[in-house]
PDB file of all heavy atoms in Angstrom:
ATOM      1  N   SER A   1       7.156  11.914  -2.774  1.00  0.00           N
ATOM      2  CA  SER A   1       6.022  11.947  -1.902  1.00  0.00           C
ATOM      3  C   SER A   1       4.862  11.522  -2.725  1.00  0.00           C
ATOM      4  O   SER A   1       4.919  11.330  -3.903  1.00  0.00           O
ATOM      5  CB  SER A   1       5.800  13.349  -1.365  1.00  0.00           C
ATOM      6  OG  SER A   1       5.458  14.242  -2.432  1.00  0.00           O
ATOM      7  N   LEU A   2       3.710  11.347  -2.030  1.00  0.00           N
ATOM      8  CA  LEU A   2       2.444  11.109  -2.629  1.00  0.00           C
ATOM      9  C   LEU A   2       1.457  12.182  -2.236  1.00  0.00           C
ATOM     10  O   LEU A   2       1.302  12.473  -1.057  1.00  0.00           O
ATOM     11  CB  LEU A   2       1.848   9.735  -2.126  1.00  0.00           C
ATOM     12  CG  LEU A   2       2.219   8.418  -2.863  1.00  0.00           C
ATOM     13  CD1 LEU A   2       1.604   7.315  -2.157  1.00  0.00           C
ATOM     14  CD2 LEU A   2       1.773   8.543  -4.244  1.00  0.00           C
ATOM     15  N   ALA A   3       0.851  12.861  -3.203  1.00  0.00           N
ATOM     16  CA  ALA A   3      -0.049  13.873  -2.970  1.00  0.00           C
ATOM     17  C   ALA A   3      -1.428  13.255  -2.464  1.00  0.00           C
ATOM     18  O   ALA A   3      -1.721  12.103  -2.742  1.00  0.00           O
ATOM     19  CB  ALA A   3      -0.423  14.663  -4.272  1.00  0.00           C
ATOM     20  N   PRO A   4      -2.209  14.026  -1.641  1.00  0.00           N
ATOM     21  CA  PRO A   4      -3.474  13.481  -1.172  1.00  0.00           C
ATOM     22  C   PRO A   4      -4.372  13.096  -2.354  1.00  0.00           C
ATOM     23  O   PRO A   4      -4.368  13.772  -3.385  1.00  0.00           O
ATOM     24  CB  PRO A   4      -4.067  14.676  -0.461  1.00  0.00           C
ATOM     25  CG  PRO A   4      -2.950  15.429  -0.020  1.00  0.00           C
ATOM     26  CD  PRO A   4      -1.861  15.310  -1.097  1.00  0.00           C
ATOM     27  N   GLY A   5      -5.009  11.980  -2.315  1.00  0.00           N
ATOM     28  CA  GLY A   5      -5.898  11.461  -3.341  1.00  0.00           C
ATOM     29  C   GLY A   5      -5.113  10.594  -4.407  1.00  0.00           C
ATOM     30  O   GLY A   5      -5.833  10.056  -5.255  1.00  0.00           O
ATOM     31  N   CYS A   6      -3.832  10.480  -4.261  1.00  0.00           N
ATOM     32  CA  CYS A   6      -3.095   9.787  -5.160  1.00  0.00           C
ATOM     33  C   CYS A   6      -2.665   8.397  -4.539  1.00  0.00           C
ATOM     34  O   CYS A   6      -2.739   8.281  -3.338  1.00  0.00           O
ATOM     35  CB  CYS A   6      -1.786  10.578  -5.647  1.00  0.00           C
ATOM     36  SG  CYS A   6      -2.205  11.963  -6.665  1.00  0.00           S
ATOM     37  N   GLY A   7      -2.083   7.538  -5.339  1.00  0.00           N
ATOM     38  CA  GLY A   7      -1.532   6.291  -4.827  1.00  0.00           C
ATOM     39  C   GLY A   7      -1.302   5.321  -5.907  1.00  0.00           C
ATOM     40  O   GLY A   7      -1.245   5.663  -7.116  1.00  0.00           O
ATOM     41  N   LEU A   8      -0.975   4.076  -5.463  1.00  0.00           N
ATOM     42  CA  LEU A   8      -0.637   3.050  -6.458  1.00  0.00           C
ATOM     43  C   LEU A   8      -1.384   1.734  -6.007  1.00  0.00           C
ATOM     44  O   LEU A   8      -1.352   1.308  -4.851  1.00  0.00           O
ATOM     45  CB  LEU A   8       0.944   2.754  -6.356  1.00  0.00           C
ATOM     46  CG  LEU A   8       1.469   1.816  -7.433  1.00  0.00           C
ATOM     47  CD1 LEU A   8       1.323   2.369  -8.787  1.00  0.00           C
ATOM     48  CD2 LEU A   8       2.862   1.517  -7.100  1.00  0.00           C
ATOM     49  N   PHE A   9      -2.028   1.030  -6.967  1.00  0.00           N
ATOM     50  CA  PHE A   9      -2.735  -0.221  -6.792  1.00  0.00           C
ATOM     51  C   PHE A   9      -1.893  -1.219  -7.454  1.00  0.00           C
ATOM     52  O   PHE A   9      -1.871  -1.278  -8.683  1.00  0.00           O
ATOM     53  CB  PHE A   9      -4.126  -0.140  -7.252  1.00  0.00           C
ATOM     54  CG  PHE A   9      -5.023  -1.340  -6.908  1.00  0.00           C
ATOM     55  CD1 PHE A   9      -4.602  -2.148  -5.856  1.00  0.00           C
ATOM     56  CD2 PHE A   9      -6.126  -1.526  -7.570  1.00  0.00           C
ATOM     57  CE1 PHE A   9      -5.429  -3.217  -5.542  1.00  0.00           C
ATOM     58  CE2 PHE A   9      -7.031  -2.541  -7.302  1.00  0.00           C
ATOM     59  CZ  PHE A   9      -6.699  -3.375  -6.254  1.00  0.00           C
ATOM     60  N   ILE A  10      -1.225  -2.105  -6.688  1.00  0.00           N
ATOM     61  CA  ILE A  10      -0.368  -3.185  -7.163  1.00  0.00           C
ATOM     62  C   ILE A  10      -1.107  -4.465  -7.336  1.00  0.00           C
ATOM     63  O   ILE A  10      -1.605  -5.040  -6.318  1.00  0.00           O
ATOM     64  CB  ILE A  10       0.906  -3.375  -6.340  1.00  0.00           C
ATOM     65  CG1 ILE A  10       1.684  -1.985  -6.133  1.00  0.00           C
ATOM     66  CG2 ILE A  10       1.850  -4.404  -6.902  1.00  0.00           C
ATOM     67  CD1 ILE A  10       2.707  -2.053  -5.108  1.00  0.00           C
ATOM     68  N   VAL A  11      -1.323  -4.974  -8.544  1.00  0.00           N
ATOM     69  CA  VAL A  11      -2.052  -6.214  -8.775  1.00  0.00           C
ATOM     70  C   VAL A  11      -1.243  -7.027  -9.758  1.00  0.00           C
ATOM     71  O   VAL A  11      -0.878  -6.573 -10.807  1.00  0.00           O
ATOM     72  CB  VAL A  11      -3.441  -5.819  -9.463  1.00  0.00           C
ATOM     73  CG1 VAL A  11      -4.269  -7.124  -9.727  1.00  0.00           C
ATOM     74  CG2 VAL A  11      -4.237  -4.921  -8.416  1.00  0.00           C
ATOM     75  N   PRO A  12      -1.043  -8.320  -9.560  1.00  0.00           N
ATOM     76  CA  PRO A  12      -1.295  -8.986  -8.261  1.00  0.00           C
ATOM     77  C   PRO A  12      -0.096  -8.660  -7.288  1.00  0.00           C
ATOM     78  O   PRO A  12       0.945  -8.399  -7.614  1.00  0.00           O
ATOM     79  CB  PRO A  12      -1.314 -10.438  -8.635  1.00  0.00           C
ATOM     80  CG  PRO A  12      -0.423 -10.566  -9.786  1.00  0.00           C
ATOM     81  CD  PRO A  12      -0.537  -9.252 -10.534  1.00  0.00           C
ATOM     82  N   SER A  13      -0.481  -8.689  -6.033  1.00  0.00           N
ATOM     83  CA  SER A  13       0.521  -8.623  -4.886  1.00  0.00           C
ATOM     84  C   SER A  13      -0.033  -9.120  -3.556  1.00  0.00           C
ATOM     85  O   SER A  13      -1.151  -8.834  -3.354  1.00  0.00           O
ATOM     86  CB  SER A  13       0.989  -7.139  -4.824  1.00  0.00           C
ATOM     87  OG  SER A  13       2.012  -7.036  -3.818  1.00  0.00           O
ATOM     88  N   GLN A  14       0.848  -9.750  -2.854  1.00  0.00           N
ATOM     89  CA  GLN A  14       0.453 -10.272  -1.538  1.00  0.00           C
ATOM     90  C   GLN A  14       1.241  -9.712  -0.446  1.00  0.00           C
ATOM     91  O   GLN A  14       1.005  -9.953   0.736  1.00  0.00           O
ATOM     92  CB  GLN A  14       0.495 -11.761  -1.471  1.00  0.00           C
ATOM     93  CG  GLN A  14      -0.424 -12.413  -2.501  1.00  0.00           C
ATOM     94  CD  GLN A  14      -0.207 -13.897  -2.613  1.00  0.00           C
ATOM     95  OE1 GLN A  14       0.926 -14.414  -2.555  1.00  0.00           O
ATOM     96  NE2 GLN A  14      -1.251 -14.651  -2.815  1.00  0.00           N
ATOM     97  N   ALA A  15       2.299  -8.942  -0.810  1.00  0.00           N
ATOM     98  CA  ALA A  15       3.202  -8.307   0.150  1.00  0.00           C
ATOM     99  C   ALA A  15       4.004  -7.189  -0.566  1.00  0.00           C
ATOM    100  O   ALA A  15       4.000  -7.292  -1.814  1.00  0.00           O
ATOM    101  CB  ALA A  15       4.292  -9.299   0.765  1.00  0.00           C
ATOM    102  N   ILE A  16       4.477  -6.205   0.191  1.00  0.00           N
ATOM    103  CA  ILE A  16       5.265  -5.195  -0.404  1.00  0.00           C
ATOM    104  C   ILE A  16       6.552  -4.865   0.318  1.00  0.00           C
ATOM    105  O   ILE A  16       6.572  -5.287   1.570  1.00  0.00           O
ATOM    106  CB  ILE A  16       4.477  -3.893  -0.652  1.00  0.00           C
ATOM    107  CG1 ILE A  16       3.946  -3.303   0.688  1.00  0.00           C
ATOM    108  CG2 ILE A  16       3.282  -4.069  -1.640  1.00  0.00           C
ATOM    109  CD1 ILE A  16       4.609  -2.065   1.175  1.00  0.00           C
ATOM    110  N   HIS A  17       7.382  -4.193  -0.196  1.00  0.00           N
ATOM    111  CA  HIS A  17       8.556  -3.647   0.616  1.00  0.00           C
ATOM    112  C   HIS A  17       8.733  -2.171   0.254  1.00  0.00           C
ATOM    113  O   HIS A  17       8.231  -1.677  -0.724  1.00  0.00           O
ATOM    114  CB  HIS A  17       9.874  -4.459   0.240  1.00  0.00           C
ATOM    115  CG  HIS A  17      10.303  -4.145  -1.213  1.00  0.00           C
ATOM    116  ND1 HIS A  17      11.079  -3.027  -1.465  1.00  0.00           N
ATOM    117  CD2 HIS A  17      10.145  -4.730  -2.383  1.00  0.00           C
ATOM    118  CE1 HIS A  17      11.424  -2.929  -2.735  1.00  0.00           C
ATOM    119  NE2 HIS A  17      10.850  -3.942  -3.328  1.00  0.00           N
ATOM    120  N   THR A  18       9.340  -1.494   1.189  1.00  0.00           N
ATOM    121  CA  THR A  18       9.644  -0.066   0.966  1.00  0.00           C
ATOM    122  C   THR A  18      11.166   0.275   0.881  1.00  0.00           C
ATOM    123  O   THR A  18      11.553   1.353   1.116  1.00  0.00           O
ATOM    124  CB  THR A  18       8.983   0.824   2.150  1.00  0.00           C
ATOM    125  OG1 THR A  18       9.457   0.395   3.322  1.00  0.00           O
ATOM    126  CG2 THR A  18       7.484   0.644   2.020  1.00  0.00           C
ATOM    127  N   VAL A  19      11.864  -0.743   0.518  1.00  0.00           N
ATOM    128  CA  VAL A  19      13.325  -0.626   0.260  1.00  0.00           C
ATOM    129  C   VAL A  19      13.555   0.403  -0.826  1.00  0.00           C
ATOM    130  O   VAL A  19      13.030   0.288  -1.954  1.00  0.00           O
ATOM    131  CB  VAL A  19      13.976  -2.009  -0.015  1.00  0.00           C
ATOM    132  CG1 VAL A  19      15.449  -1.758  -0.265  1.00  0.00           C
ATOM    133  CG2 VAL A  19      13.717  -2.892   1.139  1.00  0.00           C
ATOM    134  N   GLY A  20      14.357   1.345  -0.565  1.00  0.00           N
ATOM    135  CA  GLY A  20      14.720   2.460  -1.595  1.00  0.00           C
ATOM    136  C   GLY A  20      13.755   3.566  -1.595  1.00  0.00           C
ATOM    137  O   GLY A  20      13.954   4.560  -2.412  1.00  0.00           O
ATOM    138  N   MET A  21      12.627   3.468  -0.798  1.00  0.00           N
ATOM    139  CA  MET A  21      11.777   4.621  -0.900  1.00  0.00           C
ATOM    140  C   MET A  21      12.178   5.777   0.047  1.00  0.00           C
ATOM    141  O   MET A  21      12.894   5.503   0.991  1.00  0.00           O
ATOM    142  CB  MET A  21      10.298   4.097  -0.478  1.00  0.00           C
ATOM    143  CG  MET A  21       9.652   3.236  -1.527  1.00  0.00           C
ATOM    144  SD  MET A  21       7.984   2.672  -1.187  1.00  0.00           S
ATOM    145  CE  MET A  21       7.201   4.264  -0.879  1.00  0.00           C
ATOM    146  N   ALA A  22      11.732   6.967  -0.277  1.00  0.00           N
ATOM    147  CA  ALA A  22      12.094   8.194   0.405  1.00  0.00           C
ATOM    148  C   ALA A  22      11.079   8.683   1.451  1.00  0.00           C
ATOM    149  O   ALA A  22      11.302   9.642   2.126  1.00  0.00           O
ATOM    150  CB  ALA A  22      12.405   9.262  -0.656  1.00  0.00           C
ATOM    151  N   PHE A  23       9.922   7.957   1.594  1.00  0.00           N
ATOM    152  CA  PHE A  23       8.870   8.412   2.416  1.00  0.00           C
ATOM    153  C   PHE A  23       8.039   7.261   2.879  1.00  0.00           C
ATOM    154  O   PHE A  23       7.963   6.187   2.255  1.00  0.00           O
ATOM    155  CB  PHE A  23       8.006   9.478   1.686  1.00  0.00           C
ATOM    156  CG  PHE A  23       7.432   8.990   0.441  1.00  0.00           C
ATOM    157  CD1 PHE A  23       6.173   8.480   0.432  1.00  0.00           C
ATOM    158  CD2 PHE A  23       8.130   8.959  -0.751  1.00  0.00           C
ATOM    159  CE1 PHE A  23       5.590   7.997  -0.756  1.00  0.00           C
ATOM    160  CE2 PHE A  23       7.647   8.608  -1.947  1.00  0.00           C
ATOM    161  CZ  PHE A  23       6.363   8.092  -1.896  1.00  0.00           C
ATOM    162  N   PRO A  24       7.324   7.419   4.057  1.00  0.00           N
ATOM    163  CA  PRO A  24       6.446   6.376   4.493  1.00  0.00           C
ATOM    164  C   PRO A  24       5.145   6.330   3.759  1.00  0.00           C
ATOM    165  O   PRO A  24       4.809   7.372   3.103  1.00  0.00           O
ATOM    166  CB  PRO A  24       6.149   6.715   6.025  1.00  0.00           C
ATOM    167  CG  PRO A  24       6.388   8.173   6.067  1.00  0.00           C
ATOM    168  CD  PRO A  24       7.498   8.565   5.044  1.00  0.00           C
ATOM    169  N   ILE A  25       4.443   5.219   3.731  1.00  0.00           N
ATOM    170  CA  ILE A  25       3.117   5.101   3.085  1.00  0.00           C
ATOM    171  C   ILE A  25       2.154   4.333   3.974  1.00  0.00           C
ATOM    172  O   ILE A  25       2.533   3.497   4.742  1.00  0.00           O
ATOM    173  CB  ILE A  25       3.340   4.375   1.728  1.00  0.00           C
ATOM    174  CG1 ILE A  25       3.946   2.977   1.884  1.00  0.00           C
ATOM    175  CG2 ILE A  25       4.032   5.189   0.733  1.00  0.00           C
ATOM    176  CD1 ILE A  25       3.993   2.186   0.659  1.00  0.00           C
ATOM    177  N   ASP A  26       0.871   4.515   3.755  1.00  0.00           N
ATOM    178  CA  ASP A  26      -0.142   3.641   4.285  1.00  0.00           C
ATOM    179  C   ASP A  26      -0.377   2.515   3.253  1.00  0.00           C
ATOM    180  O   ASP A  26      -0.310   2.751   2.013  1.00  0.00           O
ATOM    181  CB  ASP A  26      -1.497   4.473   4.476  1.00  0.00           C
ATOM    182  CG  ASP A  26      -1.574   5.208   5.722  1.00  0.00           C
ATOM    183  OD1 ASP A  26      -0.480   5.311   6.474  1.00  0.00           O
ATOM    184  OD2 ASP A  26      -2.606   5.894   5.960  1.00  0.00           O
ATOM    185  N   VAL A  27      -0.660   1.389   3.743  1.00  0.00           N
ATOM    186  CA  VAL A  27      -0.780   0.204   2.927  1.00  0.00           C
ATOM    187  C   VAL A  27      -2.080  -0.570   3.192  1.00  0.00           C
ATOM    188  O   VAL A  27      -2.327  -0.791   4.358  1.00  0.00           O
ATOM    189  CB  VAL A  27       0.431  -0.804   3.004  1.00  0.00           C
ATOM    190  CG1 VAL A  27       0.221  -2.018   2.197  1.00  0.00           C
ATOM    191  CG2 VAL A  27       1.757  -0.059   2.804  1.00  0.00           C
ATOM    192  N   ILE A  28      -2.826  -0.981   2.182  1.00  0.00           N
ATOM    193  CA  ILE A  28      -4.094  -1.720   2.401  1.00  0.00           C
ATOM    194  C   ILE A  28      -4.053  -2.954   1.518  1.00  0.00           C
ATOM    195  O   ILE A  28      -3.827  -2.811   0.250  1.00  0.00           O
ATOM    196  CB  ILE A  28      -5.315  -0.855   2.062  1.00  0.00           C
ATOM    197  CG1 ILE A  28      -5.354   0.341   2.939  1.00  0.00           C
ATOM    198  CG2 ILE A  28      -6.605  -1.681   2.125  1.00  0.00           C
ATOM    199  CD1 ILE A  28      -6.508   1.352   2.612  1.00  0.00           C
ATOM    200  N   PHE A  29      -4.259  -4.118   2.097  1.00  0.00           N
ATOM    201  CA  PHE A  29      -4.259  -5.332   1.269  1.00  0.00           C
ATOM    202  C   PHE A  29      -5.771  -5.759   1.040  1.00  0.00           C
ATOM    203  O   PHE A  29      -6.597  -5.697   1.945  1.00  0.00           O
ATOM    204  CB  PHE A  29      -3.613  -6.487   2.081  1.00  0.00           C
ATOM    205  CG  PHE A  29      -2.187  -6.220   2.337  1.00  0.00           C
ATOM    206  CD1 PHE A  29      -1.775  -5.458   3.448  1.00  0.00           C
ATOM    207  CD2 PHE A  29      -1.176  -6.733   1.482  1.00  0.00           C
ATOM    208  CE1 PHE A  29      -0.409  -5.251   3.649  1.00  0.00           C
ATOM    209  CE2 PHE A  29       0.146  -6.499   1.779  1.00  0.00           C
ATOM    210  CZ  PHE A  29       0.583  -5.740   2.848  1.00  0.00           C
ATOM    211  N   VAL A  30      -6.107  -6.108  -0.210  1.00  0.00           N
ATOM    212  CA  VAL A  30      -7.447  -6.402  -0.564  1.00  0.00           C
ATOM    213  C   VAL A  30      -7.535  -7.829  -1.302  1.00  0.00           C
ATOM    214  O   VAL A  30      -6.547  -8.205  -1.946  1.00  0.00           O
ATOM    215  CB  VAL A  30      -8.171  -5.351  -1.540  1.00  0.00           C
ATOM    216  CG1 VAL A  30      -8.217  -4.022  -0.757  1.00  0.00           C
ATOM    217  CG2 VAL A  30      -7.404  -5.300  -2.788  1.00  0.00           C
ATOM    218  N   ASP A  31      -8.657  -8.474  -1.169  1.00  0.00           N
ATOM    219  CA  ASP A  31      -8.898  -9.707  -1.860  1.00  0.00           C
ATOM    220  C   ASP A  31      -9.500  -9.439  -3.148  1.00  0.00           C
ATOM    221  O   ASP A  31      -9.687  -8.318  -3.549  1.00  0.00           O
ATOM    222  CB  ASP A  31      -9.620 -10.810  -0.936  1.00  0.00           C
ATOM    223  CG  ASP A  31     -11.133 -10.304  -0.704  1.00  0.00           C
ATOM    224  OD1 ASP A  31     -11.624  -9.398  -1.352  1.00  0.00           O
ATOM    225  OD2 ASP A  31     -11.771 -10.981   0.229  1.00  0.00           O
ATOM    226  N   LYS A  32      -9.885 -10.532  -3.819  1.00  0.00           N
ATOM    227  CA  LYS A  32     -10.389 -10.419  -5.239  1.00  0.00           C
ATOM    228  C   LYS A  32     -11.766  -9.723  -5.261  1.00  0.00           C
ATOM    229  O   LYS A  32     -12.199  -9.307  -6.292  1.00  0.00           O
ATOM    230  CB  LYS A  32     -10.513 -11.817  -5.959  1.00  0.00           C
ATOM    231  CG  LYS A  32     -11.339 -12.768  -5.278  1.00  0.00           C
ATOM    232  CD  LYS A  32     -11.353 -14.188  -6.000  1.00  0.00           C
ATOM    233  CE  LYS A  32     -12.175 -15.101  -5.340  1.00  0.00           C
ATOM    234  NZ  LYS A  32     -12.077 -16.402  -5.884  1.00  0.00           N
ATOM    235  N   LYS A  33     -12.444  -9.674  -4.090  1.00  0.00           N
ATOM    236  CA  LYS A  33     -13.778  -8.969  -4.115  1.00  0.00           C
ATOM    237  C   LYS A  33     -13.559  -7.505  -3.498  1.00  0.00           C
ATOM    238  O   LYS A  33     -14.530  -6.879  -3.095  1.00  0.00           O
ATOM    239  CB  LYS A  33     -14.794  -9.816  -3.229  1.00  0.00           C
ATOM    240  CG  LYS A  33     -15.170 -11.121  -3.962  1.00  0.00           C
ATOM    241  CD  LYS A  33     -16.179 -11.851  -3.161  1.00  0.00           C
ATOM    242  CE  LYS A  33     -16.565 -13.143  -3.840  1.00  0.00           C
ATOM    243  NZ  LYS A  33     -17.605 -13.763  -3.111  1.00  0.00           N
ATOM    244  N   TYR A  34     -12.359  -7.159  -3.280  1.00  0.00           N
ATOM    245  CA  TYR A  34     -11.947  -5.795  -2.732  1.00  0.00           C
ATOM    246  C   TYR A  34     -12.358  -5.687  -1.248  1.00  0.00           C
ATOM    247  O   TYR A  34     -12.616  -4.512  -0.808  1.00  0.00           O
ATOM    248  CB  TYR A  34     -12.401  -4.725  -3.566  1.00  0.00           C
ATOM    249  CG  TYR A  34     -12.060  -4.696  -4.999  1.00  0.00           C
ATOM    250  CD1 TYR A  34     -12.917  -4.905  -6.048  1.00  0.00           C
ATOM    251  CD2 TYR A  34     -10.679  -4.686  -5.345  1.00  0.00           C
ATOM    252  CE1 TYR A  34     -12.531  -4.995  -7.435  1.00  0.00           C
ATOM    253  CE2 TYR A  34     -10.216  -4.867  -6.587  1.00  0.00           C
ATOM    254  CZ  TYR A  34     -11.188  -4.966  -7.655  1.00  0.00           C
ATOM    255  OH  TYR A  34     -10.796  -5.078  -8.942  1.00  0.00           O
ATOM    256  N   ASN A  35     -12.397  -6.832  -0.575  1.00  0.00           N
ATOM    257  CA  ASN A  35     -12.560  -6.779   0.856  1.00  0.00           C
ATOM    258  C   ASN A  35     -11.100  -6.402   1.461  1.00  0.00           C
ATOM    259  O   ASN A  35     -10.136  -7.081   1.039  1.00  0.00           O
ATOM    260  CB  ASN A  35     -13.096  -7.994   1.423  1.00  0.00           C
ATOM    261  CG  ASN A  35     -14.465  -8.404   0.905  1.00  0.00           C
ATOM    262  OD1 ASN A  35     -15.344  -7.526   1.125  1.00  0.00           O
ATOM    263  ND2 ASN A  35     -14.632  -9.481   0.366  1.00  0.00           N
ATOM    264  N   VAL A  36     -11.132  -5.623   2.555  1.00  0.00           N
ATOM    265  CA  VAL A  36      -9.857  -5.296   3.233  1.00  0.00           C
ATOM    266  C   VAL A  36      -9.420  -6.430   4.127  1.00  0.00           C
ATOM    267  O   VAL A  36     -10.210  -6.868   4.982  1.00  0.00           O
ATOM    268  CB  VAL A  36     -10.006  -3.972   3.996  1.00  0.00           C
ATOM    269  CG1 VAL A  36      -8.713  -3.617   4.780  1.00  0.00           C
ATOM    270  CG2 VAL A  36     -10.341  -2.761   3.139  1.00  0.00           C
ATOM    271  N   LEU A  37      -8.211  -6.964   3.735  1.00  0.00           N
ATOM    272  CA  LEU A  37      -7.615  -8.087   4.495  1.00  0.00           C
ATOM    273  C   LEU A  37      -6.641  -7.561   5.533  1.00  0.00           C
ATOM    274  O   LEU A  37      -6.380  -8.275   6.631  1.00  0.00           O
ATOM    275  CB  LEU A  37      -6.928  -9.023   3.605  1.00  0.00           C
ATOM    276  CG  LEU A  37      -7.694  -9.636   2.574  1.00  0.00           C
ATOM    277  CD1 LEU A  37      -6.774 -10.507   1.691  1.00  0.00           C
ATOM    278  CD2 LEU A  37      -8.754 -10.531   3.100  1.00  0.00           C
ATOM    279  N   GLY A  38      -6.072  -6.414   5.297  1.00  0.00           N
ATOM    280  CA  GLY A  38      -5.054  -5.935   6.200  1.00  0.00           C
ATOM    281  C   GLY A  38      -4.768  -4.503   5.989  1.00  0.00           C
ATOM    282  O   GLY A  38      -4.901  -3.966   4.902  1.00  0.00           O
ATOM    283  N   VAL A  39      -4.434  -3.787   7.045  1.00  0.00           N
ATOM    284  CA  VAL A  39      -3.960  -2.364   6.912  1.00  0.00           C
ATOM    285  C   VAL A  39      -2.724  -2.216   7.739  1.00  0.00           C
ATOM    286  O   VAL A  39      -2.480  -2.759   8.685  1.00  0.00           O
ATOM    287  CB  VAL A  39      -5.046  -1.438   7.421  1.00  0.00           C
ATOM    288  CG1 VAL A  39      -6.385  -1.496   6.608  1.00  0.00           C
ATOM    289  CG2 VAL A  39      -5.424  -1.645   8.937  1.00  0.00           C
ATOM    290  N   ARG A  40      -1.826  -1.320   7.118  1.00  0.00           N
ATOM    291  CA  ARG A  40      -0.588  -0.940   7.819  1.00  0.00           C
ATOM    292  C   ARG A  40      -0.387   0.524   7.602  1.00  0.00           C
ATOM    293  O   ARG A  40      -0.305   1.043   6.567  1.00  0.00           O
ATOM    294  CB  ARG A  40       0.653  -1.690   7.204  1.00  0.00           C
ATOM    295  CG  ARG A  40       0.607  -3.208   7.330  1.00  0.00           C
ATOM    296  CD  ARG A  40       0.712  -3.575   8.815  1.00  0.00           C
ATOM    297  NE  ARG A  40       0.640  -5.006   8.911  1.00  0.00           N
ATOM    298  CZ  ARG A  40      -0.473  -5.742   9.092  1.00  0.00           C
ATOM    299  NH1 ARG A  40      -1.618  -5.206   9.269  1.00  0.00           N
ATOM    300  NH2 ARG A  40      -0.342  -7.033   9.249  1.00  0.00           N
ATOM    301  N   GLU A  41      -0.299   1.307   8.708  1.00  0.00           N
ATOM    302  CA  GLU A  41      -0.288   2.630   8.682  1.00  0.00           C
ATOM    303  C   GLU A  41       1.177   3.150   8.793  1.00  0.00           C
ATOM    304  O   GLU A  41       2.029   2.616   9.579  1.00  0.00           O
ATOM    305  CB  GLU A  41      -1.051   3.372   9.815  1.00  0.00           C
ATOM    306  CG  GLU A  41      -2.602   3.131   9.681  1.00  0.00           C
ATOM    307  CD  GLU A  41      -3.362   3.872  10.732  1.00  0.00           C
ATOM    308  OE1 GLU A  41      -3.358   5.118  10.687  1.00  0.00           O
ATOM    309  OE2 GLU A  41      -4.004   3.117  11.555  1.00  0.00           O
ATOM    310  N   ALA A  42       1.538   4.174   8.022  1.00  0.00           N
ATOM    311  CA  ALA A  42       2.792   4.873   8.043  1.00  0.00           C
ATOM    312  C   ALA A  42       3.944   3.855   7.983  1.00  0.00           C
ATOM    313  O   ALA A  42       4.947   3.921   8.827  1.00  0.00           O
ATOM    314  CB  ALA A  42       2.896   5.613   9.257  1.00  0.00           C
ATOM    315  N   VAL A  43       3.982   2.972   7.015  1.00  0.00           N
ATOM    316  CA  VAL A  43       5.032   2.003   6.909  1.00  0.00           C
ATOM    317  C   VAL A  43       6.369   2.760   6.400  1.00  0.00           C
ATOM    318  O   VAL A  43       6.331   3.408   5.302  1.00  0.00           O
ATOM    319  CB  VAL A  43       4.780   0.912   5.901  1.00  0.00           C
ATOM    320  CG1 VAL A  43       5.991   0.008   5.654  1.00  0.00           C
ATOM    321  CG2 VAL A  43       3.478   0.209   6.280  1.00  0.00           C
ATOM    322  N   PRO A  44       7.383   2.816   7.238  1.00  0.00           N
ATOM    323  CA  PRO A  44       8.510   3.570   6.863  1.00  0.00           C
ATOM    324  C   PRO A  44       9.441   2.974   5.787  1.00  0.00           C
ATOM    325  O   PRO A  44       9.201   1.780   5.458  1.00  0.00           O
ATOM    326  CB  PRO A  44       9.298   3.672   8.195  1.00  0.00           C
ATOM    327  CG  PRO A  44       8.848   2.495   9.034  1.00  0.00           C
ATOM    328  CD  PRO A  44       7.477   2.128   8.498  1.00  0.00           C
TER     329      PRO A  44
END
């Protein structure tokens, strides 16, 4: 699981997979100026 306030920032990355994970996650894609490009809630 991920505790509240915790997470992972993957750099560089333009896509992710959740193959082999045990829980869903929220995902936010950002550009080089940290503008939000995309959001995906509860990716299983």
